[in-house]
Amino acid sequence: MKKIETIIRPEQFPRLRKKLEEVAGCGQQRGKQALFRGTSYEIKLLPKVKVEMVIESESVDEIIQIIESTCSTNTVGDGKIFVLPIENAVRIRTGESGKEAIV
């Protein structure tokens, strides 16, 4: 198993989410809708979105290709992709571990 962490431009996130749902799904919980109300503030750092996922090792190249093709604008600040090894995963509800815990 691998963990992919990617940092991207916020405006690229909706497109990436749609592409990843087509390929990897979004789990049994299916997510939820939320609303965030912000206040006015000065931006000193450019906003980014961090997306984290744990996947089967065999899917790493495909997921990286999707992230690159979806989020690249060919300009500075497009983001980064990090790939880290995952030793194990455990589903709390059932006690399943390894690959079974992430599907």
C-alpha atoms as a PDB file:
ATOM      1  CA  MET A   1       0.000   0.000   0.000  1.00  0.00           C
ATOM      2  CA  LYS A   2       1.048   3.576  -0.642  1.00  0.00           C
ATOM      3  CA  LYS A   3      -0.099   6.953   0.580  1.00  0.00           C
ATOM      4  CA  ILE A   4      -0.270   9.697  -2.006  1.00  0.00           C
ATOM      5  CA  GLU A   5      -0.257  13.248  -0.707  1.00  0.00           C
ATOM      6  CA  THR A   6      -0.733  15.950  -3.280  1.00  0.00           C
ATOM      7  CA  ILE A   7      -0.810  19.700  -2.862  1.00  0.00           C
ATOM      8  CA  ILE A   8      -2.678  21.502  -5.625  1.00  0.00           C
ATOM      9  CA  ARG A   9      -4.347  24.779  -6.546  1.00  0.00           C
ATOM     10  CA  PRO A  10      -7.835  25.033  -4.967  1.00  0.00           C
ATOM     11  CA  GLU A  11      -9.504  25.684  -8.333  1.00  0.00           C
ATOM     12  CA  GLN A  12      -8.180  22.330  -9.623  1.00  0.00           C
ATOM     13  CA  PHE A  13      -9.722  20.297  -6.793  1.00  0.00           C
ATOM     14  CA  PRO A  14     -13.272  19.850  -8.186  1.00  0.00           C
ATOM     15  CA  ARG A  15     -11.922  18.426 -11.464  1.00  0.00           C
ATOM     16  CA  LEU A  16      -9.463  16.158  -9.643  1.00  0.00           C
ATOM     17  CA  ARG A  17     -12.138  14.895  -7.265  1.00  0.00           C
ATOM     18  CA  LYS A  18     -14.384  13.976 -10.196  1.00  0.00           C
ATOM     19  CA  LYS A  19     -11.560  12.121 -12.005  1.00  0.00           C
ATOM     20  CA  LEU A  20     -10.532  10.234  -8.864  1.00  0.00           C
ATOM     21  CA  GLU A  21     -14.131   9.202  -8.113  1.00  0.00           C
ATOM     22  CA  GLU A  22     -14.316   7.670 -11.591  1.00  0.00           C
ATOM     23  CA  VAL A  23     -11.158   5.633 -11.022  1.00  0.00           C
ATOM     24  CA  ALA A  24     -10.914   4.931  -7.311  1.00  0.00           C
ATOM     25  CA  GLY A  25     -14.390   5.547  -5.918  1.00  0.00           C
ATOM     26  CA  CYS A  26     -14.979   7.292  -2.617  1.00  0.00           C
ATOM     27  CA  GLY A  27     -15.547   4.468  -0.160  1.00  0.00           C
ATOM     28  CA  GLN A  28     -18.756   3.163   1.335  1.00  0.00           C
ATOM     29  CA  GLN A  29     -19.541   6.331   3.294  1.00  0.00           C
ATOM     30  CA  ARG A  30     -19.853   8.372   0.075  1.00  0.00           C
ATOM     31  CA  GLY A  31     -18.798  11.627   1.781  1.00  0.00           C
ATOM     32  CA  LYS A  32     -21.056  14.471   2.841  1.00  0.00           C
ATOM     33  CA  GLN A  33     -21.825  18.027   1.897  1.00  0.00           C
ATOM     34  CA  ALA A  34     -20.580  20.900   4.044  1.00  0.00           C
ATOM     35  CA  LEU A  35     -20.683  24.693   4.005  1.00  0.00           C
ATOM     36  CA  PHE A  36     -17.901  26.986   5.190  1.00  0.00           C
ATOM     37  CA  ARG A  37     -18.427  30.697   5.797  1.00  0.00           C
ATOM     38  CA  GLY A  38     -15.195  32.674   5.934  1.00  0.00           C
ATOM     39  CA  THR A  39     -14.314  36.173   6.964  1.00  0.00           C
ATOM     40  CA  SER A  40     -12.296  38.815   5.134  1.00  0.00           C
ATOM     41  CA  TYR A  41      -8.538  38.551   5.623  1.00  0.00           C
ATOM     42  CA  GLU A  42      -5.262  39.429   3.922  1.00  0.00           C
ATOM     43  CA  ILE A  43      -3.657  36.617   1.942  1.00  0.00           C
ATOM     44  CA  LYS A  44       0.084  36.430   2.510  1.00  0.00           C
ATOM     45  CA  LEU A  45       0.427  32.812   1.392  1.00  0.00           C
ATOM     46  CA  LEU A  46      -1.312  31.445  -1.669  1.00  0.00           C
ATOM     47  CA  PRO A  47      -4.017  28.936  -0.770  1.00  0.00           C
ATOM     48  CA  LYS A  48      -3.488  25.281  -1.660  1.00  0.00           C
ATOM     49  CA  VAL A  49      -5.490  22.120  -1.131  1.00  0.00           C
ATOM     50  CA  LYS A  50      -3.925  18.955   0.253  1.00  0.00           C
ATOM     51  CA  VAL A  51      -5.429  15.678  -0.931  1.00  0.00           C
ATOM     52  CA  GLU A  52      -4.404  12.447   0.812  1.00  0.00           C
ATOM     53  CA  MET A  53      -5.274   8.913  -0.219  1.00  0.00           C
ATOM     54  CA  VAL A  54      -4.127   5.394   0.627  1.00  0.00           C
ATOM     55  CA  ILE A  55      -4.208   3.064  -2.344  1.00  0.00           C
ATOM     56  CA  GLU A  56      -2.965  -0.288  -3.543  1.00  0.00           C
ATOM     57  CA  SER A  57       0.650  -0.086  -4.738  1.00  0.00           C
ATOM     58  CA  GLU A  58      -0.361  -1.229  -8.223  1.00  0.00           C
ATOM     59  CA  SER A  59      -2.485   1.927  -8.713  1.00  0.00           C
ATOM     60  CA  VAL A  60       0.210   4.504  -7.914  1.00  0.00           C
ATOM     61  CA  ASP A  61       1.304   5.261 -11.482  1.00  0.00           C
ATOM     62  CA  GLU A  62      -2.287   5.577 -12.710  1.00  0.00           C
ATOM     63  CA  ILE A  63      -3.266   7.937  -9.884  1.00  0.00           C
ATOM     64  CA  ILE A  64      -0.154  10.088 -10.387  1.00  0.00           C
ATOM     65  CA  GLN A  65      -0.911  10.353 -14.117  1.00  0.00           C
ATOM     66  CA  ILE A  66      -4.484  11.447 -13.345  1.00  0.00           C
ATOM     67  CA  ILE A  67      -3.286  14.081 -10.873  1.00  0.00           C
ATOM     68  CA  GLU A  68      -0.694  15.438 -13.312  1.00  0.00           C
ATOM     69  CA  SER A  69      -3.025  15.551 -16.313  1.00  0.00           C
ATOM     70  CA  THR A  70      -5.872  17.101 -14.309  1.00  0.00           C
ATOM     71  CA  CYS A  71      -3.977  19.667 -12.233  1.00  0.00           C
ATOM     72  CA  SER A  72      -1.155  20.839 -14.487  1.00  0.00           C
ATOM     73  CA  THR A  73      -1.380  24.367 -15.869  1.00  0.00           C
ATOM     74  CA  ASN A  74       2.312  24.344 -16.831  1.00  0.00           C
ATOM     75  CA  THR A  75       2.985  27.292 -14.525  1.00  0.00           C
ATOM     76  CA  VAL A  76       4.826  27.731 -11.244  1.00  0.00           C
ATOM     77  CA  GLY A  77       2.673  26.753  -8.283  1.00  0.00           C
ATOM     78  CA  ASP A  78       0.838  23.763  -9.786  1.00  0.00           C
ATOM     79  CA  GLY A  79       1.774  21.705  -6.730  1.00  0.00           C
ATOM     80  CA  LYS A  80       3.593  18.572  -5.623  1.00  0.00           C
ATOM     81  CA  ILE A  81       2.897  14.854  -5.314  1.00  0.00           C
ATOM     82  CA  PHE A  82       4.439  12.784  -2.526  1.00  0.00           C
ATOM     83  CA  VAL A  83       4.334   8.971  -2.405  1.00  0.00           C
ATOM     84  CA  LEU A  84       4.927   7.275   0.940  1.00  0.00           C
ATOM     85  CA  PRO A  85       4.941   3.604   1.945  1.00  0.00           C
ATOM     86  CA  ILE A  86       2.155   2.393   4.228  1.00  0.00           C
ATOM     87  CA  GLU A  87       3.006  -0.526   6.481  1.00  0.00           C
ATOM     88  CA  ASN A  88      -0.566  -1.429   7.408  1.00  0.00           C
ATOM     89  CA  ALA A  89      -4.126  -0.139   7.628  1.00  0.00           C
ATOM     90  CA  VAL A  90      -6.856  -1.310  10.006  1.00  0.00           C
ATOM     91  CA  ARG A  91     -10.590  -0.697   9.617  1.00  0.00           C
ATOM     92  CA  ILE A  92     -11.740   0.156  13.133  1.00  0.00           C
ATOM     93  CA  ARG A  93     -15.318  -1.089  12.708  1.00  0.00           C
ATOM     94  CA  THR A  94     -14.481  -4.619  11.534  1.00  0.00           C
ATOM     95  CA  GLY A  95     -10.830  -5.124  12.428  1.00  0.00           C
ATOM     96  CA  GLU A  96      -9.953  -5.901   8.786  1.00  0.00           C
ATOM     97  CA  SER A  97      -6.356  -5.047   7.981  1.00  0.00           C
ATOM     98  CA  GLY A  98      -4.110  -4.536   5.000  1.00  0.00           C
ATOM     99  CA  LYS A  99      -5.628  -4.253   1.536  1.00  0.00           C
ATOM    100  CA  GLU A 100      -9.073  -5.265   2.823  1.00  0.00           C
ATOM    101  CA  ALA A 101      -9.179  -2.220   5.097  1.00  0.00           C
ATOM    102  CA  ILE A 102      -8.807   0.306   2.269  1.00  0.00           C
ATOM    103  CA  VAL A 103     -11.347  -1.016  -0.231  1.00  0.00           C
END
